[in-house]
């Protein structure tokens, strides 16, 4: 692969990204009310089990986190807004932004109950990937604790390819983390992007928002 003309890629834009079902907005205090509700809803401990931070114990603690996270440029946090309700129902970040080599990871994902296993979550991932590759990045990564089986299943469903296992990669919350590494390349995205667009089409969902065909079906 000839990269003689390669140059560093621009940083991701801190600006809203609009989809059919969700809007991604740069994280800010305006999202705190509904995002706190999403973060502390039933099952919070399970949602935060694999994240670097624990579930917020109170609003003051959460507001302090929002202040720090919203000021960060890497990770670069976005709130996931349900366009139908206008509520921030989750958050995600672009991180380990490597402009020189054209690599970005999606991480710090907290999708609340209203987003989990819905077309909104898939579209939130799609909007990140589409922006990353539109900027000319070569690789989009997904990493998780190797014990996190649901995250690994999600990575495969989204079209990421397994790249290997980094043993004893981190110490998180007082425990060892072996990191499972997944990635999609710019060449992968040429194949994956049309399948996302077809799956996200309103025609692929019934009146209750249930899919007609699986995302994987559009790749076969």
N, C-alpha and C. Protein backbone atom coordinates (compact mmCIF):
# COMPACT_ATOMS: atom_id res chain seq x y z
N UNK A 1 0.84 -1.19 0.00
CA UNK A 1 0.00 0.00 0.00
C UNK A 1 0.88 1.25 0.00
N UNK A 2 0.77 2.04 -1.05
CA UNK A 2 1.60 3.23 -1.20
C UNK A 2 0.96 4.39 -0.44
N UNK A 3 1.69 4.90 0.56
CA UNK A 3 1.21 6.04 1.34
C UNK A 3 2.18 7.22 1.24
N UNK A 4 2.84 7.32 0.09
CA UNK A 4 3.82 8.39 -0.10
C UNK A 4 3.21 9.77 0.06
N UNK A 5 1.93 9.91 -0.26
CA UNK A 5 1.27 11.21 -0.17
C UNK A 5 0.46 11.38 1.11
N UNK A 6 0.64 10.45 2.04
CA UNK A 6 -0.12 10.52 3.29
C UNK A 6 0.23 11.76 4.09
N UNK A 7 -0.76 12.35 4.73
CA UNK A 7 -0.53 13.47 5.64
C UNK A 7 -1.45 13.30 6.84
N UNK A 8 -1.11 13.97 7.93
CA UNK A 8 -1.91 13.87 9.15
C UNK A 8 -3.35 14.30 8.88
N UNK A 9 -4.28 13.64 9.55
CA UNK A 9 -5.70 13.93 9.36
C UNK A 9 -6.15 15.04 10.31
N UNK A 10 -7.17 15.80 9.92
CA UNK A 10 -7.70 16.83 10.83
C UNK A 10 -8.39 16.20 12.03
N UNK A 11 -8.47 16.96 13.12
CA UNK A 11 -9.16 16.47 14.30
C UNK A 11 -10.66 16.37 14.01
N UNK A 12 -11.34 15.45 14.69
CA UNK A 12 -12.80 15.38 14.55
C UNK A 12 -13.44 16.72 14.95
N UNK A 13 -14.53 17.03 14.29
CA UNK A 13 -15.20 18.30 14.51
C UNK A 13 -16.07 18.22 15.77
N UNK A 14 -15.91 19.21 16.66
CA UNK A 14 -16.77 19.29 17.85
C UNK A 14 -18.05 20.03 17.43
N UNK A 15 -18.92 19.28 16.76
CA UNK A 15 -20.16 19.85 16.23
C UNK A 15 -21.21 18.75 16.20
N UNK A 16 -22.50 19.12 16.20
CA UNK A 16 -23.55 18.11 16.16
C UNK A 16 -23.48 17.26 14.90
N UNK A 17 -23.91 16.00 15.03
CA UNK A 17 -24.03 15.09 13.90
C UNK A 17 -25.47 14.59 13.88
N UNK A 18 -26.13 14.77 12.75
CA UNK A 18 -27.57 14.52 12.67
C UNK A 18 -27.86 13.19 11.97
N UNK A 19 -28.72 12.37 12.59
CA UNK A 19 -29.19 11.15 11.98
C UNK A 19 -30.69 11.16 11.85
N UNK A 20 -31.26 10.03 11.46
CA UNK A 20 -32.72 9.93 11.37
C UNK A 20 -33.36 9.84 12.75
N UNK A 21 -32.68 9.13 13.67
CA UNK A 21 -33.28 8.80 14.97
C UNK A 21 -32.57 9.47 16.14
N UNK A 22 -31.28 9.76 15.98
CA UNK A 22 -30.52 10.41 17.05
C UNK A 22 -29.74 11.59 16.49
N UNK A 23 -29.38 12.47 17.39
CA UNK A 23 -28.47 13.56 17.10
C UNK A 23 -27.33 13.47 18.12
N UNK A 24 -26.11 13.55 17.65
CA UNK A 24 -24.96 13.59 18.54
C UNK A 24 -24.58 15.05 18.77
N UNK A 25 -24.50 15.45 20.03
CA UNK A 25 -24.13 16.82 20.38
C UNK A 25 -22.91 16.80 21.28
N UNK A 26 -21.96 17.73 21.08
CA UNK A 26 -20.84 17.82 22.02
C UNK A 26 -21.36 17.89 23.45
N UNK A 27 -20.84 17.06 24.32
CA UNK A 27 -21.35 16.96 25.69
C UNK A 27 -21.24 18.29 26.42
N UNK A 28 -22.29 18.63 27.16
CA UNK A 28 -22.28 19.87 27.93
C UNK A 28 -23.27 19.79 29.08
N UNK A 29 -23.27 20.83 29.91
CA UNK A 29 -24.15 20.83 31.08
C UNK A 29 -25.63 20.81 30.71
N UNK A 30 -25.96 21.21 29.48
CA UNK A 30 -27.36 21.19 29.06
C UNK A 30 -27.92 19.77 28.97
N UNK A 31 -27.02 18.78 28.96
CA UNK A 31 -27.45 17.38 28.88
C UNK A 31 -27.55 16.72 30.24
N UNK A 32 -27.18 17.43 31.29
CA UNK A 32 -26.99 16.79 32.59
C UNK A 32 -28.27 16.18 33.16
N UNK A 33 -29.40 16.86 33.04
CA UNK A 33 -30.62 16.38 33.68
C UNK A 33 -31.03 15.00 33.16
N UNK A 34 -31.22 14.90 31.85
CA UNK A 34 -31.70 13.63 31.31
C UNK A 34 -30.60 12.58 31.25
N UNK A 35 -29.35 13.01 31.06
CA UNK A 35 -28.26 12.04 31.03
C UNK A 35 -28.04 11.42 32.41
N UNK A 36 -28.23 12.21 33.46
CA UNK A 36 -28.13 11.66 34.81
C UNK A 36 -29.22 10.62 35.04
N UNK A 37 -30.41 10.89 34.56
CA UNK A 37 -31.50 9.92 34.69
C UNK A 37 -31.17 8.63 33.94
N UNK A 38 -30.61 8.76 32.75
CA UNK A 38 -30.23 7.57 31.98
C UNK A 38 -29.12 6.80 32.67
N UNK A 39 -28.17 7.54 33.27
CA UNK A 39 -27.03 6.89 33.91
C UNK A 39 -27.42 6.15 35.18
N UNK A 40 -28.44 6.64 35.88
CA UNK A 40 -28.79 6.08 37.19
C UNK A 40 -30.05 5.23 37.16
N UNK A 41 -30.62 5.02 35.98
CA UNK A 41 -31.81 4.17 35.86
C UNK A 41 -31.46 2.74 36.26
N UNK A 42 -32.50 1.92 36.44
CA UNK A 42 -32.30 0.54 36.85
C UNK A 42 -31.25 -0.17 36.02
N UNK A 43 -30.40 -0.95 36.69
CA UNK A 43 -29.33 -1.65 36.00
C UNK A 43 -28.06 -0.85 35.83
N UNK A 44 -27.95 0.27 36.54
CA UNK A 44 -26.79 1.16 36.38
C UNK A 44 -25.47 0.46 36.66
N UNK A 45 -25.43 -0.37 37.69
CA UNK A 45 -24.18 -1.04 38.02
C UNK A 45 -23.69 -1.93 36.88
N UNK A 46 -24.63 -2.59 36.21
CA UNK A 46 -24.25 -3.42 35.07
C UNK A 46 -23.74 -2.56 33.91
N UNK A 47 -24.39 -1.41 33.67
CA UNK A 47 -23.97 -0.55 32.56
C UNK A 47 -22.58 0.03 32.79
N UNK A 48 -22.23 0.28 34.05
CA UNK A 48 -20.94 0.90 34.37
C UNK A 48 -19.88 -0.13 34.73
N UNK A 49 -20.25 -1.40 34.73
CA UNK A 49 -19.31 -2.43 35.20
C UNK A 49 -17.98 -2.38 34.46
N UNK A 50 -18.02 -2.17 33.14
CA UNK A 50 -16.80 -2.25 32.35
C UNK A 50 -16.22 -0.87 32.02
N UNK A 51 -16.85 0.20 32.48
CA UNK A 51 -16.33 1.54 32.24
C UNK A 51 -15.24 1.87 33.26
N UNK A 52 -14.49 2.90 32.98
CA UNK A 52 -13.40 3.29 33.88
C UNK A 52 -13.94 3.93 35.15
N UNK A 53 -15.11 4.56 35.07
CA UNK A 53 -15.71 5.15 36.26
C UNK A 53 -16.89 4.31 36.72
N UNK A 54 -17.30 4.51 37.96
CA UNK A 54 -18.45 3.80 38.50
C UNK A 54 -19.72 4.62 38.29
N UNK A 55 -20.86 3.98 38.47
CA UNK A 55 -22.14 4.69 38.35
C UNK A 55 -22.17 5.85 39.34
N UNK A 56 -22.67 7.01 38.92
CA UNK A 56 -22.70 8.16 39.82
C UNK A 56 -23.58 7.89 41.04
N UNK A 57 -23.09 8.31 42.21
CA UNK A 57 -23.83 8.08 43.45
C UNK A 57 -24.83 9.19 43.72
N UNK A 58 -24.59 10.37 43.15
CA UNK A 58 -25.49 11.50 43.37
C UNK A 58 -25.31 12.52 42.25
N UNK A 59 -26.17 13.52 42.24
CA UNK A 59 -26.13 14.51 41.15
C UNK A 59 -24.86 15.36 41.22
N UNK A 60 -24.39 15.70 42.42
CA UNK A 60 -23.18 16.52 42.53
C UNK A 60 -21.98 15.79 41.92
N UNK A 61 -21.89 14.51 42.18
CA UNK A 61 -20.80 13.71 41.61
C UNK A 61 -20.90 13.67 40.10
N UNK A 62 -22.12 13.52 39.60
CA UNK A 62 -22.32 13.46 38.15
C UNK A 62 -22.01 14.81 37.50
N UNK A 63 -22.42 15.91 38.12
CA UNK A 63 -22.14 17.23 37.56
C UNK A 63 -20.64 17.48 37.48
N UNK A 64 -19.90 17.00 38.47
CA UNK A 64 -18.44 17.15 38.45
C UNK A 64 -17.85 16.36 37.28
N UNK A 65 -18.40 15.17 37.05
CA UNK A 65 -17.92 14.37 35.90
C UNK A 65 -18.22 15.08 34.59
N UNK A 66 -19.45 15.61 34.45
CA UNK A 66 -19.83 16.34 33.23
C UNK A 66 -18.86 17.49 32.98
N UNK A 67 -18.52 18.24 34.01
CA UNK A 67 -17.63 19.39 33.85
C UNK A 67 -16.28 18.96 33.30
N UNK A 68 -15.74 17.87 33.84
CA UNK A 68 -14.44 17.38 33.38
C UNK A 68 -14.54 16.80 31.97
N UNK A 69 -15.55 15.97 31.73
CA UNK A 69 -15.68 15.28 30.45
C UNK A 69 -15.95 16.25 29.31
N UNK A 70 -16.77 17.25 29.55
CA UNK A 70 -17.13 18.19 28.48
C UNK A 70 -15.96 19.08 28.09
N UNK A 71 -14.99 19.24 28.98
CA UNK A 71 -13.80 20.06 28.68
C UNK A 71 -12.71 19.27 27.98
N UNK A 72 -12.85 17.96 27.94
CA UNK A 72 -11.80 17.10 27.37
C UNK A 72 -11.83 17.13 25.85
N UNK A 73 -10.65 17.13 25.24
CA UNK A 73 -10.57 17.02 23.79
C UNK A 73 -10.20 15.61 23.35
N UNK A 74 -9.71 14.80 24.28
CA UNK A 74 -9.41 13.39 24.02
C UNK A 74 -9.39 12.66 25.36
N UNK A 75 -10.49 11.97 25.70
CA UNK A 75 -11.65 11.63 24.89
C UNK A 75 -12.52 12.85 24.55
N UNK A 76 -13.09 12.84 23.37
CA UNK A 76 -14.00 13.88 22.90
C UNK A 76 -15.42 13.33 23.03
N UNK A 77 -16.15 13.82 24.03
CA UNK A 77 -17.45 13.24 24.39
C UNK A 77 -18.60 13.88 23.63
N UNK A 78 -19.57 13.04 23.28
CA UNK A 78 -20.82 13.48 22.67
C UNK A 78 -21.98 12.87 23.44
N UNK A 79 -23.04 13.65 23.60
CA UNK A 79 -24.30 13.12 24.12
C UNK A 79 -25.11 12.55 22.97
N UNK A 80 -25.82 11.45 23.24
CA UNK A 80 -26.68 10.83 22.24
C UNK A 80 -28.12 11.24 22.55
N UNK A 81 -28.70 12.02 21.64
CA UNK A 81 -30.03 12.61 21.85
C UNK A 81 -31.07 11.83 21.06
N UNK A 82 -32.10 11.36 21.73
CA UNK A 82 -33.26 10.78 21.06
C UNK A 82 -34.02 11.93 20.39
N UNK A 83 -34.06 11.93 19.07
CA UNK A 83 -34.67 13.05 18.36
C UNK A 83 -36.17 13.15 18.61
N UNK A 84 -36.81 12.04 18.92
CA UNK A 84 -38.25 12.07 19.16
C UNK A 84 -38.60 12.77 20.47
N UNK A 85 -37.76 12.58 21.49
CA UNK A 85 -38.06 13.15 22.81
C UNK A 85 -37.18 14.34 23.16
N UNK A 86 -36.04 14.49 22.48
CA UNK A 86 -35.10 15.55 22.82
C UNK A 86 -34.26 15.25 24.04
N UNK A 87 -34.33 14.03 24.56
CA UNK A 87 -33.61 13.65 25.78
C UNK A 87 -32.23 13.08 25.45
N UNK A 88 -31.25 13.43 26.27
CA UNK A 88 -29.93 12.79 26.19
C UNK A 88 -30.04 11.45 26.89
N UNK A 89 -29.94 10.37 26.13
CA UNK A 89 -30.14 9.03 26.68
C UNK A 89 -28.84 8.23 26.79
N UNK A 90 -27.74 8.86 26.41
CA UNK A 90 -26.46 8.16 26.51
C UNK A 90 -25.33 9.08 26.11
N UNK A 91 -24.13 8.52 26.16
CA UNK A 91 -22.94 9.28 25.76
C UNK A 91 -21.92 8.32 25.18
N UNK A 92 -21.01 8.85 24.36
CA UNK A 92 -19.92 8.09 23.76
C UNK A 92 -18.82 9.06 23.40
N UNK A 93 -17.63 8.53 23.13
CA UNK A 93 -16.49 9.42 22.91
C UNK A 93 -15.59 8.90 21.80
N UNK A 94 -15.00 9.83 21.08
CA UNK A 94 -13.86 9.52 20.22
C UNK A 94 -12.62 9.69 21.08
N UNK A 95 -11.71 8.71 21.03
CA UNK A 95 -10.57 8.73 21.94
C UNK A 95 -9.33 8.14 21.26
N UNK A 96 -8.21 8.34 21.93
CA UNK A 96 -6.94 7.92 21.34
C UNK A 96 -6.87 8.43 19.90
N UNK A 97 -7.13 9.71 19.75
CA UNK A 97 -7.19 10.32 18.42
C UNK A 97 -5.77 10.51 17.91
N UNK A 98 -5.39 9.71 16.93
CA UNK A 98 -4.03 9.70 16.38
C UNK A 98 -4.08 10.30 14.98
N UNK A 99 -3.88 11.61 14.90
CA UNK A 99 -3.95 12.29 13.61
C UNK A 99 -2.82 11.87 12.69
N UNK A 100 -1.65 11.63 13.25
CA UNK A 100 -0.48 11.31 12.43
C UNK A 100 -0.67 10.01 11.66
N UNK A 101 -1.30 9.03 12.30
CA UNK A 101 -1.45 7.71 11.68
C UNK A 101 -2.87 7.42 11.23
N UNK A 102 -3.81 8.34 11.54
CA UNK A 102 -5.17 8.18 11.06
C UNK A 102 -5.96 7.10 11.76
N UNK A 103 -5.91 7.10 13.09
CA UNK A 103 -6.60 6.08 13.88
C UNK A 103 -7.42 6.75 14.99
N UNK A 104 -8.65 6.30 15.19
CA UNK A 104 -9.51 6.78 16.27
C UNK A 104 -10.25 5.59 16.86
N UNK A 105 -10.42 5.60 18.17
CA UNK A 105 -11.20 4.58 18.86
C UNK A 105 -12.51 5.19 19.35
N UNK A 106 -13.58 4.40 19.30
CA UNK A 106 -14.82 4.76 19.99
C UNK A 106 -14.78 4.10 21.35
N UNK A 107 -15.12 4.85 22.39
CA UNK A 107 -15.07 4.29 23.73
C UNK A 107 -15.90 5.12 24.70
N UNK A 108 -15.75 4.80 25.99
CA UNK A 108 -16.51 5.47 27.04
C UNK A 108 -18.01 5.48 26.72
N UNK A 109 -18.48 4.35 26.19
CA UNK A 109 -19.88 4.26 25.77
C UNK A 109 -20.77 3.95 26.97
N UNK A 110 -21.75 4.80 27.18
CA UNK A 110 -22.81 4.52 28.16
C UNK A 110 -24.13 4.81 27.47
N UNK A 111 -24.76 3.74 26.97
CA UNK A 111 -26.06 3.86 26.35
C UNK A 111 -27.10 3.45 27.38
N UNK A 112 -27.96 4.39 27.78
CA UNK A 112 -28.97 4.11 28.79
C UNK A 112 -30.04 3.15 28.29
N UNK A 113 -30.99 2.79 29.15
CA UNK A 113 -32.02 1.81 28.78
C UNK A 113 -32.79 2.15 27.51
N UNK A 114 -33.01 3.44 27.26
CA UNK A 114 -33.78 3.82 26.07
C UNK A 114 -33.02 3.59 24.77
N UNK A 115 -31.69 3.43 24.85
CA UNK A 115 -30.87 3.24 23.66
C UNK A 115 -30.47 1.80 23.43
N UNK A 116 -30.36 1.04 24.48
CA UNK A 116 -29.79 -0.30 24.37
C UNK A 116 -30.60 -1.19 23.44
N UNK A 117 -29.87 -1.81 22.51
CA UNK A 117 -30.47 -2.75 21.54
C UNK A 117 -31.57 -2.09 20.72
N UNK A 118 -31.33 -0.85 20.32
CA UNK A 118 -32.27 -0.13 19.46
C UNK A 118 -31.55 0.39 18.23
N UNK A 119 -32.33 0.83 17.25
CA UNK A 119 -31.74 1.43 16.05
C UNK A 119 -31.02 2.73 16.39
N UNK A 120 -31.40 3.36 17.51
CA UNK A 120 -30.73 4.60 17.90
C UNK A 120 -29.27 4.35 18.26
N UNK A 121 -28.99 3.26 18.98
CA UNK A 121 -27.62 2.94 19.35
C UNK A 121 -26.79 2.64 18.10
N UNK A 122 -27.36 1.87 17.19
CA UNK A 122 -26.65 1.55 15.95
C UNK A 122 -26.36 2.81 15.15
N UNK A 123 -27.34 3.72 15.09
CA UNK A 123 -27.12 4.95 14.35
C UNK A 123 -26.06 5.83 15.03
N UNK A 124 -26.02 5.82 16.36
CA UNK A 124 -24.99 6.59 17.07
C UNK A 124 -23.60 6.10 16.69
N UNK A 125 -23.43 4.79 16.59
CA UNK A 125 -22.15 4.23 16.15
C UNK A 125 -21.87 4.61 14.70
N UNK A 126 -22.89 4.48 13.86
CA UNK A 126 -22.74 4.82 12.44
C UNK A 126 -22.29 6.26 12.24
N UNK A 127 -22.90 7.19 12.98
CA UNK A 127 -22.55 8.60 12.81
C UNK A 127 -21.09 8.87 13.16
N UNK A 128 -20.57 8.18 14.17
CA UNK A 128 -19.14 8.31 14.50
C UNK A 128 -18.29 7.77 13.36
N UNK A 129 -18.57 6.55 12.94
CA UNK A 129 -17.76 5.92 11.90
C UNK A 129 -17.78 6.74 10.61
N UNK A 130 -18.95 7.22 10.24
CA UNK A 130 -19.08 7.99 9.00
C UNK A 130 -18.25 9.27 9.07
N UNK A 131 -18.25 9.92 10.23
CA UNK A 131 -17.46 11.15 10.37
C UNK A 131 -15.97 10.85 10.35
N UNK A 132 -15.56 9.80 11.06
CA UNK A 132 -14.14 9.43 11.13
C UNK A 132 -13.59 9.16 9.72
N UNK A 133 -14.30 8.36 8.95
CA UNK A 133 -13.79 8.01 7.62
C UNK A 133 -13.95 9.16 6.62
N UNK A 134 -14.94 10.02 6.81
CA UNK A 134 -15.06 11.20 5.95
C UNK A 134 -13.88 12.13 6.13
N UNK A 135 -13.29 12.13 7.33
CA UNK A 135 -12.10 12.95 7.58
C UNK A 135 -10.83 12.32 7.04
N UNK A 136 -10.93 11.11 6.51
CA UNK A 136 -9.78 10.45 5.91
C UNK A 136 -8.98 9.57 6.84
N UNK A 137 -9.54 9.23 8.00
CA UNK A 137 -8.84 8.31 8.90
C UNK A 137 -8.82 6.91 8.27
N UNK A 138 -7.81 6.15 8.64
CA UNK A 138 -7.60 4.84 8.04
C UNK A 138 -8.18 3.71 8.86
N UNK A 139 -8.40 3.94 10.17
CA UNK A 139 -8.80 2.85 11.05
C UNK A 139 -9.66 3.38 12.20
N UNK A 140 -10.72 2.66 12.48
CA UNK A 140 -11.66 2.99 13.55
C UNK A 140 -11.69 1.78 14.49
N UNK A 141 -11.39 1.99 15.76
CA UNK A 141 -11.17 0.87 16.68
C UNK A 141 -12.26 0.76 17.74
N UNK A 142 -12.42 -0.45 18.23
CA UNK A 142 -13.33 -0.78 19.35
C UNK A 142 -12.53 -1.69 20.26
N UNK A 143 -12.34 -1.28 21.50
CA UNK A 143 -11.61 -2.10 22.46
C UNK A 143 -12.47 -2.29 23.71
N UNK A 144 -12.33 -3.45 24.32
CA UNK A 144 -13.11 -3.72 25.52
C UNK A 144 -12.43 -4.77 26.38
N UNK A 145 -12.88 -4.88 27.62
CA UNK A 145 -12.42 -5.93 28.50
C UNK A 145 -12.78 -7.28 27.88
N UNK A 146 -11.83 -8.20 27.86
CA UNK A 146 -12.09 -9.50 27.23
C UNK A 146 -13.20 -10.27 27.93
N UNK A 147 -13.50 -9.91 29.18
CA UNK A 147 -14.59 -10.57 29.90
C UNK A 147 -15.97 -10.02 29.51
N UNK A 148 -15.97 -8.91 28.79
CA UNK A 148 -17.22 -8.24 28.44
C UNK A 148 -17.79 -8.88 27.16
N UNK A 149 -18.50 -9.98 27.33
CA UNK A 149 -18.99 -10.74 26.19
C UNK A 149 -19.98 -9.95 25.34
N UNK A 150 -20.84 -9.15 25.96
CA UNK A 150 -21.83 -8.39 25.20
C UNK A 150 -21.16 -7.33 24.32
N UNK A 151 -20.08 -6.72 24.81
CA UNK A 151 -19.36 -5.73 24.00
C UNK A 151 -18.69 -6.39 22.80
N UNK A 152 -18.15 -7.57 23.00
CA UNK A 152 -17.50 -8.27 21.89
C UNK A 152 -18.54 -8.69 20.84
N UNK A 153 -19.71 -9.11 21.29
CA UNK A 153 -20.77 -9.44 20.33
C UNK A 153 -21.20 -8.21 19.55
N UNK A 154 -21.30 -7.07 20.25
CA UNK A 154 -21.69 -5.83 19.58
C UNK A 154 -20.66 -5.43 18.53
N UNK A 155 -19.39 -5.55 18.85
CA UNK A 155 -18.33 -5.19 17.90
C UNK A 155 -18.46 -5.99 16.61
N UNK A 156 -18.70 -7.28 16.74
CA UNK A 156 -18.85 -8.13 15.56
C UNK A 156 -20.10 -7.74 14.77
N UNK A 157 -21.20 -7.48 15.48
CA UNK A 157 -22.43 -7.08 14.79
C UNK A 157 -22.21 -5.79 14.02
N UNK A 158 -21.48 -4.85 14.60
CA UNK A 158 -21.25 -3.57 13.95
C UNK A 158 -20.28 -3.67 12.78
N UNK A 159 -19.62 -4.80 12.60
CA UNK A 159 -18.73 -4.98 11.47
C UNK A 159 -17.25 -4.81 11.77
N UNK A 160 -16.90 -4.64 13.06
CA UNK A 160 -15.49 -4.61 13.43
C UNK A 160 -14.90 -6.01 13.33
N UNK A 161 -13.62 -6.07 13.00
CA UNK A 161 -12.92 -7.34 12.90
C UNK A 161 -12.03 -7.54 14.12
N UNK A 162 -11.95 -8.76 14.67
CA UNK A 162 -11.07 -9.01 15.81
C UNK A 162 -9.60 -8.89 15.40
N UNK A 163 -8.84 -8.14 16.17
CA UNK A 163 -7.43 -7.91 15.89
C UNK A 163 -6.50 -8.63 16.86
N UNK A 164 -7.07 -9.15 17.96
CA UNK A 164 -6.24 -9.88 18.90
C UNK A 164 -6.53 -9.52 20.34
N UNK A 165 -5.76 -10.11 21.24
CA UNK A 165 -5.95 -9.92 22.67
C UNK A 165 -4.67 -9.37 23.28
N UNK A 166 -4.80 -8.23 23.99
CA UNK A 166 -3.68 -7.65 24.72
C UNK A 166 -3.79 -8.12 26.17
N UNK A 167 -2.96 -9.09 26.55
CA UNK A 167 -3.04 -9.66 27.90
C UNK A 167 -2.43 -8.71 28.92
N UNK A 168 -3.05 -8.67 30.11
CA UNK A 168 -2.59 -7.81 31.20
C UNK A 168 -2.32 -6.39 30.72
N UNK A 169 -3.28 -5.88 29.97
CA UNK A 169 -3.11 -4.58 29.32
C UNK A 169 -3.31 -3.42 30.28
N UNK A 170 -4.25 -3.59 31.25
CA UNK A 170 -4.59 -2.49 32.15
C UNK A 170 -4.94 -3.03 33.53
N UNK A 171 -4.93 -2.11 34.49
CA UNK A 171 -5.51 -2.36 35.80
C UNK A 171 -6.67 -1.38 35.93
N UNK A 172 -7.89 -1.90 36.00
CA UNK A 172 -9.10 -1.07 36.04
C UNK A 172 -9.93 -1.46 37.26
N UNK A 173 -10.21 -0.48 38.10
CA UNK A 173 -11.01 -0.69 39.31
C UNK A 173 -10.44 -1.83 40.15
N UNK A 174 -9.13 -1.85 40.24
CA UNK A 174 -8.46 -2.81 41.09
C UNK A 174 -8.41 -4.23 40.54
N UNK A 175 -8.64 -4.39 39.25
CA UNK A 175 -8.62 -5.73 38.66
C UNK A 175 -7.86 -5.69 37.33
N UNK A 176 -7.31 -6.86 36.96
CA UNK A 176 -6.63 -6.97 35.67
C UNK A 176 -7.63 -6.82 34.52
N UNK A 177 -7.19 -6.18 33.44
CA UNK A 177 -7.99 -6.15 32.22
C UNK A 177 -7.15 -6.66 31.07
N UNK A 178 -7.57 -7.80 30.51
CA UNK A 178 -7.09 -8.23 29.21
C UNK A 178 -7.99 -7.54 28.19
N UNK A 179 -7.39 -6.90 27.19
CA UNK A 179 -8.17 -6.09 26.25
C UNK A 179 -8.35 -6.79 24.92
N UNK A 180 -9.62 -7.00 24.56
CA UNK A 180 -9.96 -7.52 23.24
C UNK A 180 -10.01 -6.34 22.27
N UNK A 181 -9.33 -6.48 21.16
CA UNK A 181 -9.14 -5.38 20.21
C UNK A 181 -9.86 -5.69 18.92
N UNK A 182 -10.69 -4.73 18.47
CA UNK A 182 -11.42 -4.87 17.20
C UNK A 182 -11.19 -3.60 16.38
N UNK A 183 -11.33 -3.72 15.07
CA UNK A 183 -11.13 -2.55 14.22
C UNK A 183 -11.84 -2.72 12.89
N UNK A 184 -12.17 -1.58 12.26
CA UNK A 184 -12.57 -1.56 10.86
C UNK A 184 -11.70 -0.53 10.15
N UNK A 185 -11.35 -0.81 8.91
CA UNK A 185 -10.50 0.09 8.14
C UNK A 185 -11.33 0.90 7.16
N UNK A 186 -10.67 1.86 6.53
CA UNK A 186 -11.37 2.66 5.52
C UNK A 186 -11.86 1.79 4.37
N UNK A 187 -11.11 0.74 4.04
CA UNK A 187 -11.56 -0.17 2.99
C UNK A 187 -12.78 -0.99 3.45
N UNK A 188 -12.78 -1.38 4.72
CA UNK A 188 -13.95 -2.07 5.27
C UNK A 188 -15.19 -1.17 5.18
N UNK A 189 -14.98 0.12 5.46
CA UNK A 189 -16.12 1.04 5.51
C UNK A 189 -16.79 1.20 4.15
N UNK A 190 -16.06 1.06 3.09
CA UNK A 190 -16.67 1.14 1.76
C UNK A 190 -17.73 0.06 1.58
N UNK A 191 -17.51 -1.08 2.23
CA UNK A 191 -18.47 -2.18 2.18
C UNK A 191 -19.54 -2.03 3.25
N UNK A 192 -19.15 -1.58 4.43
CA UNK A 192 -20.07 -1.53 5.56
C UNK A 192 -21.05 -0.37 5.50
N UNK A 193 -20.62 0.77 5.00
CA UNK A 193 -21.46 1.96 5.01
C UNK A 193 -22.80 1.74 4.32
N UNK A 194 -22.85 1.16 3.10
CA UNK A 194 -24.15 0.94 2.47
C UNK A 194 -25.05 -0.01 3.27
N UNK A 195 -24.46 -0.98 3.96
CA UNK A 195 -25.29 -1.90 4.76
C UNK A 195 -25.91 -1.18 5.95
N UNK A 196 -25.17 -0.26 6.56
CA UNK A 196 -25.73 0.55 7.64
C UNK A 196 -26.88 1.41 7.11
N UNK A 197 -26.66 2.05 5.99
CA UNK A 197 -27.68 2.94 5.44
C UNK A 197 -28.95 2.18 5.09
N UNK A 198 -28.81 0.98 4.54
CA UNK A 198 -29.97 0.17 4.20
C UNK A 198 -30.69 -0.28 5.46
N UNK A 199 -29.91 -0.70 6.49
CA UNK A 199 -30.53 -1.19 7.72
C UNK A 199 -31.25 -0.07 8.45
N UNK A 200 -30.68 1.13 8.45
CA UNK A 200 -31.26 2.27 9.17
C UNK A 200 -32.45 2.89 8.46
N UNK A 201 -32.70 2.50 7.23
CA UNK A 201 -33.84 3.05 6.50
C UNK A 201 -35.14 2.79 7.26
N UNK A 202 -36.03 3.77 7.34
CA UNK A 202 -37.32 3.55 8.01
C UNK A 202 -38.08 2.36 7.44
N UNK A 203 -37.84 2.02 6.18
CA UNK A 203 -38.53 0.89 5.56
C UNK A 203 -38.14 -0.44 6.19
N UNK A 204 -37.01 -0.46 6.92
CA UNK A 204 -36.55 -1.70 7.55
C UNK A 204 -37.15 -1.92 8.93
N UNK A 205 -38.08 -1.06 9.35
CA UNK A 205 -38.67 -1.17 10.69
C UNK A 205 -40.18 -1.13 10.60
N UNK A 206 -40.81 -1.89 11.49
CA UNK A 206 -42.27 -1.87 11.52
C UNK A 206 -42.77 -0.70 12.37
N UNK A 207 -44.07 -0.64 12.59
CA UNK A 207 -44.66 0.49 13.32
C UNK A 207 -44.20 0.56 14.77
N UNK A 208 -43.64 -0.55 15.29
CA UNK A 208 -43.16 -0.58 16.66
C UNK A 208 -41.64 -0.42 16.76
N UNK A 209 -41.01 -0.11 15.63
CA UNK A 209 -39.57 0.08 15.63
C UNK A 209 -38.76 -1.20 15.59
N UNK A 210 -39.41 -2.32 15.28
CA UNK A 210 -38.72 -3.61 15.23
C UNK A 210 -38.15 -3.82 13.83
N UNK A 211 -36.91 -4.31 13.78
CA UNK A 211 -36.24 -4.50 12.50
C UNK A 211 -36.92 -5.59 11.67
N UNK A 212 -36.89 -5.40 10.34
CA UNK A 212 -37.37 -6.41 9.41
C UNK A 212 -36.22 -7.36 9.08
N UNK A 213 -35.06 -6.79 8.74
CA UNK A 213 -33.86 -7.59 8.47
C UNK A 213 -32.75 -7.17 9.42
N UNK A 214 -31.88 -8.09 9.77
CA UNK A 214 -30.76 -7.81 10.64
C UNK A 214 -29.68 -7.03 9.89
N UNK A 215 -28.88 -6.29 10.65
CA UNK A 215 -27.77 -5.56 10.04
C UNK A 215 -26.83 -6.49 9.31
N UNK A 216 -26.56 -7.65 9.90
CA UNK A 216 -25.65 -8.61 9.30
C UNK A 216 -26.17 -9.11 7.95
N UNK A 217 -27.51 -9.16 7.80
CA UNK A 217 -28.08 -9.65 6.55
C UNK A 217 -27.73 -8.76 5.37
N UNK A 218 -27.58 -7.48 5.64
CA UNK A 218 -27.26 -6.55 4.54
C UNK A 218 -25.80 -6.65 4.11
N UNK A 219 -24.98 -7.33 4.91
CA UNK A 219 -23.57 -7.50 4.54
C UNK A 219 -23.33 -8.81 3.81
N UNK A 220 -24.33 -9.68 3.80
CA UNK A 220 -24.13 -11.00 3.19
C UNK A 220 -24.50 -10.97 1.72
